[in-house]
Amino acid sequence: MVIAWKGMGDDQGIYWSKFDGNSWTPFQNIAGRGTSHAPALASAGDRLFMFWKGMGDEQRIFFSWLDAAADSIWQPGWQVAYPASQTSGMSLEAVFTDHHPTAVVRDQIIFLA
């Protein structure tokens, strides 16, 4: 099991810990990530995905993943975006929110709300 949370009060850092079957590991800050709301976790395949809203007024949603290996680390954060096509060409459109995202998995497909 893994837990992830936003820091207390004005601390917008994202922290996490793993449960090894007996106890929780010491919590760690995930470097380079921050949020003004709670992150969401979803497991698909051999990866645990985390989604979060940006810090403060930043409304983009970001994601990262942690592989199942015992020594894995969180991968770099990426913006959640989808391809949009127009007659003038393709673009990536960011996904925005003013609150925390929620993630669920069905048939190994992650759905965000």
N, C-alpha and C. Protein backbone atom coordinates (compact mmCIF):
# COMPACT_ATOMS: atom_id res chain seq x y z
N MET A 1 0.83 -1.18 0.00
CA MET A 1 0.00 0.00 0.00
C MET A 1 0.88 1.24 0.00
N VAL A 2 0.37 2.28 -0.62
CA VAL A 2 1.05 3.57 -0.68
C VAL A 2 0.04 4.65 -0.32
N ILE A 3 0.50 5.64 0.41
CA ILE A 3 -0.32 6.80 0.73
C ILE A 3 0.43 8.04 0.25
N ALA A 4 -0.31 9.03 -0.26
CA ALA A 4 0.28 10.30 -0.68
C ALA A 4 -0.62 11.42 -0.17
N TRP A 5 -0.02 12.55 0.21
CA TRP A 5 -0.80 13.65 0.75
C TRP A 5 -0.10 14.98 0.53
N LYS A 6 -0.90 16.05 0.61
CA LYS A 6 -0.39 17.42 0.55
C LYS A 6 0.09 17.80 1.94
N GLY A 7 1.11 18.62 2.02
CA GLY A 7 1.60 19.10 3.30
C GLY A 7 0.54 19.90 4.05
N MET A 8 0.80 20.16 5.32
CA MET A 8 -0.16 20.88 6.16
C MET A 8 -0.11 22.38 5.91
N GLY A 9 -1.25 23.04 6.06
CA GLY A 9 -1.31 24.50 5.96
C GLY A 9 -0.81 25.02 4.63
N ASP A 10 0.17 25.92 4.68
CA ASP A 10 0.72 26.53 3.47
C ASP A 10 1.74 25.64 2.76
N ASP A 11 2.11 24.50 3.35
CA ASP A 11 3.07 23.58 2.74
C ASP A 11 2.40 22.88 1.57
N GLN A 12 2.79 23.20 0.34
CA GLN A 12 2.18 22.60 -0.84
C GLN A 12 2.98 21.42 -1.38
N GLY A 13 3.94 20.94 -0.61
CA GLY A 13 4.70 19.76 -1.00
C GLY A 13 3.82 18.52 -1.02
N ILE A 14 4.23 17.52 -1.81
CA ILE A 14 3.53 16.23 -1.85
C ILE A 14 4.43 15.22 -1.16
N TYR A 15 3.86 14.48 -0.23
CA TYR A 15 4.59 13.50 0.58
C TYR A 15 4.00 12.12 0.34
N TRP A 16 4.80 11.09 0.62
CA TRP A 16 4.32 9.74 0.44
C TRP A 16 5.01 8.78 1.38
N SER A 17 4.39 7.60 1.56
CA SER A 17 4.93 6.54 2.40
C SER A 17 4.38 5.21 1.88
N LYS A 18 5.15 4.13 2.11
CA LYS A 18 4.73 2.77 1.72
C LYS A 18 4.52 1.93 2.97
N PHE A 19 3.56 1.04 2.91
CA PHE A 19 3.32 0.08 3.98
C PHE A 19 3.91 -1.24 3.55
N ASP A 20 4.83 -1.79 4.34
CA ASP A 20 5.53 -3.02 3.96
C ASP A 20 4.87 -4.29 4.50
N GLY A 21 3.69 -4.17 5.06
CA GLY A 21 3.02 -5.32 5.66
C GLY A 21 3.07 -5.27 7.17
N ASN A 22 4.03 -4.54 7.72
CA ASN A 22 4.18 -4.40 9.17
C ASN A 22 4.12 -2.96 9.64
N SER A 23 4.73 -2.06 8.87
CA SER A 23 4.77 -0.65 9.28
C SER A 23 4.93 0.24 8.06
N TRP A 24 4.68 1.54 8.27
CA TRP A 24 4.84 2.53 7.22
C TRP A 24 6.29 2.98 7.18
N THR A 25 6.81 3.18 5.97
CA THR A 25 8.17 3.72 5.83
C THR A 25 8.15 5.19 6.24
N PRO A 26 9.30 5.76 6.62
CA PRO A 26 9.32 7.20 6.93
C PRO A 26 8.82 7.99 5.72
N PHE A 27 8.00 9.01 5.96
CA PHE A 27 7.45 9.77 4.85
C PHE A 27 8.54 10.56 4.16
N GLN A 28 8.35 10.75 2.87
CA GLN A 28 9.31 11.48 2.05
C GLN A 28 8.58 12.52 1.22
N ASN A 29 9.23 13.66 1.01
CA ASN A 29 8.73 14.67 0.09
C ASN A 29 9.11 14.23 -1.32
N ILE A 30 8.19 14.36 -2.26
CA ILE A 30 8.49 14.02 -3.65
C ILE A 30 9.05 15.29 -4.30
N ALA A 31 10.32 15.26 -4.60
CA ALA A 31 11.02 16.44 -5.11
C ALA A 31 10.38 17.01 -6.38
N GLY A 32 10.29 18.33 -6.42
CA GLY A 32 9.84 19.00 -7.63
C GLY A 32 8.35 18.99 -7.87
N ARG A 33 7.56 18.56 -6.88
CA ARG A 33 6.11 18.52 -7.05
C ARG A 33 5.44 19.29 -5.94
N GLY A 34 4.34 19.93 -6.28
CA GLY A 34 3.58 20.65 -5.28
C GLY A 34 2.14 20.77 -5.72
N THR A 35 1.25 20.92 -4.75
CA THR A 35 -0.18 21.00 -5.03
C THR A 35 -0.88 21.82 -3.96
N SER A 36 -1.99 22.40 -4.34
CA SER A 36 -2.81 23.11 -3.37
C SER A 36 -3.95 22.23 -2.86
N HIS A 37 -4.07 21.01 -3.38
CA HIS A 37 -5.12 20.08 -2.99
C HIS A 37 -4.54 18.67 -2.88
N ALA A 38 -5.33 17.73 -2.42
CA ALA A 38 -4.87 16.35 -2.25
C ALA A 38 -4.58 15.69 -3.58
N PRO A 39 -3.50 14.89 -3.68
CA PRO A 39 -3.25 14.11 -4.89
C PRO A 39 -4.15 12.87 -4.93
N ALA A 40 -4.26 12.28 -6.11
CA ALA A 40 -5.03 11.05 -6.30
C ALA A 40 -4.08 9.95 -6.76
N LEU A 41 -4.31 8.73 -6.31
CA LEU A 41 -3.50 7.57 -6.69
C LEU A 41 -4.38 6.56 -7.41
N ALA A 42 -3.79 5.88 -8.41
CA ALA A 42 -4.48 4.80 -9.13
C ALA A 42 -3.43 3.82 -9.63
N SER A 43 -3.70 2.54 -9.47
CA SER A 43 -2.76 1.50 -9.88
C SER A 43 -3.26 0.85 -11.18
N ALA A 44 -2.37 0.79 -12.17
CA ALA A 44 -2.69 0.14 -13.44
C ALA A 44 -1.45 -0.62 -13.89
N GLY A 45 -1.62 -1.89 -14.20
CA GLY A 45 -0.47 -2.71 -14.58
C GLY A 45 0.50 -2.80 -13.40
N ASP A 46 1.78 -2.63 -13.68
CA ASP A 46 2.82 -2.67 -12.64
C ASP A 46 3.22 -1.28 -12.18
N ARG A 47 2.34 -0.30 -12.36
CA ARG A 47 2.67 1.07 -11.99
C ARG A 47 1.59 1.67 -11.09
N LEU A 48 2.06 2.52 -10.19
CA LEU A 48 1.16 3.34 -9.38
C LEU A 48 1.24 4.75 -9.94
N PHE A 49 0.11 5.29 -10.36
CA PHE A 49 0.06 6.63 -10.92
C PHE A 49 -0.44 7.62 -9.88
N MET A 50 0.11 8.82 -9.91
CA MET A 50 -0.33 9.89 -9.04
C MET A 50 -0.72 11.08 -9.91
N PHE A 51 -1.85 11.71 -9.57
CA PHE A 51 -2.35 12.88 -10.28
C PHE A 51 -2.53 14.00 -9.27
N TRP A 52 -2.20 15.23 -9.67
CA TRP A 52 -2.36 16.35 -8.75
C TRP A 52 -2.59 17.64 -9.51
N LYS A 53 -3.31 18.55 -8.86
CA LYS A 53 -3.50 19.91 -9.35
C LYS A 53 -2.24 20.68 -9.02
N GLY A 54 -1.91 21.67 -9.84
CA GLY A 54 -0.74 22.49 -9.57
C GLY A 54 -0.87 23.29 -8.28
N MET A 55 0.18 24.03 -7.93
CA MET A 55 0.20 24.82 -6.71
C MET A 55 -0.56 26.13 -6.89
N GLY A 56 -1.16 26.62 -5.81
CA GLY A 56 -1.81 27.93 -5.82
C GLY A 56 -2.86 28.06 -6.91
N ASP A 57 -2.71 29.10 -7.74
CA ASP A 57 -3.66 29.35 -8.81
C ASP A 57 -3.42 28.51 -10.06
N GLU A 58 -2.35 27.72 -10.08
CA GLU A 58 -2.07 26.84 -11.23
C GLU A 58 -3.17 25.80 -11.32
N GLN A 59 -3.88 25.73 -12.44
CA GLN A 59 -5.04 24.84 -12.56
C GLN A 59 -4.79 23.61 -13.43
N ARG A 60 -3.57 23.47 -13.96
CA ARG A 60 -3.30 22.26 -14.75
C ARG A 60 -3.22 21.04 -13.84
N ILE A 61 -3.52 19.87 -14.41
CA ILE A 61 -3.38 18.60 -13.71
C ILE A 61 -2.10 17.94 -14.21
N PHE A 62 -1.32 17.39 -13.29
CA PHE A 62 -0.06 16.73 -13.60
C PHE A 62 -0.13 15.27 -13.17
N PHE A 63 0.80 14.46 -13.69
CA PHE A 63 0.87 13.06 -13.27
C PHE A 63 2.30 12.57 -13.25
N SER A 64 2.51 11.51 -12.49
CA SER A 64 3.78 10.81 -12.40
C SER A 64 3.46 9.36 -12.10
N TRP A 65 4.47 8.49 -12.12
CA TRP A 65 4.22 7.09 -11.77
C TRP A 65 5.42 6.52 -11.03
N LEU A 66 5.11 5.47 -10.30
CA LEU A 66 6.10 4.72 -9.53
C LEU A 66 6.00 3.28 -9.98
N ASP A 67 7.12 2.70 -10.45
CA ASP A 67 7.11 1.31 -10.86
C ASP A 67 7.04 0.39 -9.65
N ALA A 68 6.69 -0.88 -9.86
CA ALA A 68 6.48 -1.83 -8.77
C ALA A 68 7.77 -2.29 -8.10
N ALA A 69 8.92 -2.13 -8.74
CA ALA A 69 10.19 -2.59 -8.16
C ALA A 69 10.44 -1.91 -6.81
N ALA A 70 11.03 -2.64 -5.89
CA ALA A 70 11.25 -2.13 -4.53
C ALA A 70 12.10 -0.85 -4.50
N ASP A 71 13.03 -0.71 -5.43
CA ASP A 71 13.93 0.45 -5.41
C ASP A 71 13.52 1.54 -6.40
N SER A 72 12.29 1.51 -6.90
CA SER A 72 11.88 2.49 -7.90
C SER A 72 11.65 3.86 -7.25
N ILE A 73 11.73 4.89 -8.08
CA ILE A 73 11.50 6.26 -7.63
C ILE A 73 10.40 6.87 -8.49
N TRP A 74 9.78 7.95 -7.99
CA TRP A 74 8.76 8.64 -8.77
C TRP A 74 9.38 9.23 -10.02
N GLN A 75 8.73 9.03 -11.13
CA GLN A 75 9.20 9.56 -12.41
C GLN A 75 8.90 11.06 -12.50
N PRO A 76 9.52 11.76 -13.46
CA PRO A 76 9.26 13.20 -13.59
C PRO A 76 7.76 13.47 -13.78
N GLY A 77 7.33 14.62 -13.35
CA GLY A 77 5.93 15.00 -13.51
C GLY A 77 5.65 15.48 -14.92
N TRP A 78 4.48 15.11 -15.42
CA TRP A 78 4.05 15.50 -16.76
C TRP A 78 2.67 16.13 -16.67
N GLN A 79 2.38 17.05 -17.54
CA GLN A 79 1.07 17.67 -17.63
C GLN A 79 0.09 16.69 -18.28
N VAL A 80 -1.11 16.57 -17.73
CA VAL A 80 -2.16 15.77 -18.37
C VAL A 80 -2.69 16.59 -19.55
N ALA A 81 -2.62 16.01 -20.73
CA ALA A 81 -3.07 16.71 -21.95
C ALA A 81 -3.58 15.67 -22.94
N TYR A 82 -4.39 16.14 -23.87
CA TYR A 82 -4.92 15.25 -24.91
C TYR A 82 -4.67 15.90 -26.27
N PRO A 83 -4.52 15.09 -27.31
CA PRO A 83 -4.31 15.66 -28.65
C PRO A 83 -5.62 16.19 -29.24
N ALA A 84 -5.54 17.36 -29.81
CA ALA A 84 -6.70 17.96 -30.49
C ALA A 84 -6.29 18.25 -31.93
N SER A 85 -7.15 17.93 -32.86
CA SER A 85 -6.82 18.17 -34.26
C SER A 85 -7.76 19.20 -34.85
N GLN A 86 -7.18 20.04 -35.66
CA GLN A 86 -7.92 21.06 -36.39
C GLN A 86 -7.37 21.07 -37.80
N THR A 87 -8.01 21.77 -38.69
CA THR A 87 -7.51 21.81 -40.06
C THR A 87 -6.13 22.45 -40.13
N SER A 88 -5.77 23.27 -39.13
CA SER A 88 -4.46 23.92 -39.13
C SER A 88 -3.37 23.05 -38.51
N GLY A 89 -3.74 21.92 -37.90
CA GLY A 89 -2.73 21.02 -37.33
C GLY A 89 -3.14 20.46 -35.98
N MET A 90 -2.23 19.71 -35.38
CA MET A 90 -2.46 19.06 -34.10
C MET A 90 -1.90 19.93 -32.98
N SER A 91 -2.53 19.83 -31.81
CA SER A 91 -2.02 20.50 -30.62
C SER A 91 -2.32 19.64 -29.40
N LEU A 92 -1.61 19.89 -28.32
CA LEU A 92 -1.90 19.23 -27.06
C LEU A 92 -2.68 20.21 -26.20
N GLU A 93 -3.84 19.78 -25.72
CA GLU A 93 -4.70 20.61 -24.89
C GLU A 93 -4.57 20.16 -23.44
N ALA A 94 -4.21 21.07 -22.56
CA ALA A 94 -4.07 20.76 -21.14
C ALA A 94 -5.43 20.51 -20.52
N VAL A 95 -5.43 19.74 -19.43
CA VAL A 95 -6.63 19.47 -18.65
C VAL A 95 -6.53 20.30 -17.37
N PHE A 96 -7.59 21.03 -17.03
CA PHE A 96 -7.58 21.96 -15.91
C PHE A 96 -8.59 21.58 -14.84
N THR A 97 -8.35 22.04 -13.61
CA THR A 97 -9.30 21.89 -12.51
C THR A 97 -9.04 22.99 -11.49
N ASP A 98 -10.04 23.29 -10.68
CA ASP A 98 -9.81 24.22 -9.58
C ASP A 98 -9.91 23.50 -8.24
N HIS A 99 -9.90 22.17 -8.29
CA HIS A 99 -9.95 21.34 -7.09
C HIS A 99 -9.05 20.13 -7.31
N HIS A 100 -9.14 19.13 -6.47
CA HIS A 100 -8.28 17.96 -6.65
C HIS A 100 -8.89 16.98 -7.66
N PRO A 101 -8.04 16.29 -8.44
CA PRO A 101 -8.56 15.27 -9.35
C PRO A 101 -8.87 13.98 -8.58
N THR A 102 -9.70 13.16 -9.18
CA THR A 102 -9.99 11.82 -8.67
C THR A 102 -9.67 10.85 -9.79
N ALA A 103 -9.10 9.70 -9.45
CA ALA A 103 -8.72 8.71 -10.46
C ALA A 103 -9.27 7.34 -10.07
N VAL A 104 -9.81 6.63 -11.06
CA VAL A 104 -10.26 5.25 -10.88
C VAL A 104 -9.74 4.43 -12.06
N VAL A 105 -9.65 3.12 -11.85
CA VAL A 105 -9.17 2.22 -12.90
C VAL A 105 -10.27 1.22 -13.22
N ARG A 106 -10.49 1.02 -14.51
CA ARG A 106 -11.42 -0.01 -14.98
C ARG A 106 -10.78 -0.67 -16.18
N ASP A 107 -10.61 -1.98 -16.14
CA ASP A 107 -9.98 -2.74 -17.22
C ASP A 107 -8.62 -2.15 -17.60
N GLN A 108 -7.84 -1.79 -16.60
CA GLN A 108 -6.49 -1.25 -16.77
C GLN A 108 -6.46 0.11 -17.49
N ILE A 109 -7.59 0.80 -17.53
CA ILE A 109 -7.67 2.15 -18.09
C ILE A 109 -7.95 3.11 -16.95
N ILE A 110 -7.17 4.17 -16.84
CA ILE A 110 -7.36 5.15 -15.78
C ILE A 110 -8.32 6.24 -16.26
N PHE A 111 -9.32 6.52 -15.45
CA PHE A 111 -10.28 7.58 -15.71
C PHE A 111 -10.08 8.67 -14.67
N LEU A 112 -10.02 9.91 -15.12
CA LEU A 112 -9.88 11.06 -14.22
C LEU A 112 -11.19 11.83 -14.17
N ALA A 113 -11.50 12.35 -13.01
CA ALA A 113 -12.66 13.22 -12.85
C ALA A 113 -12.25 14.42 -12.02
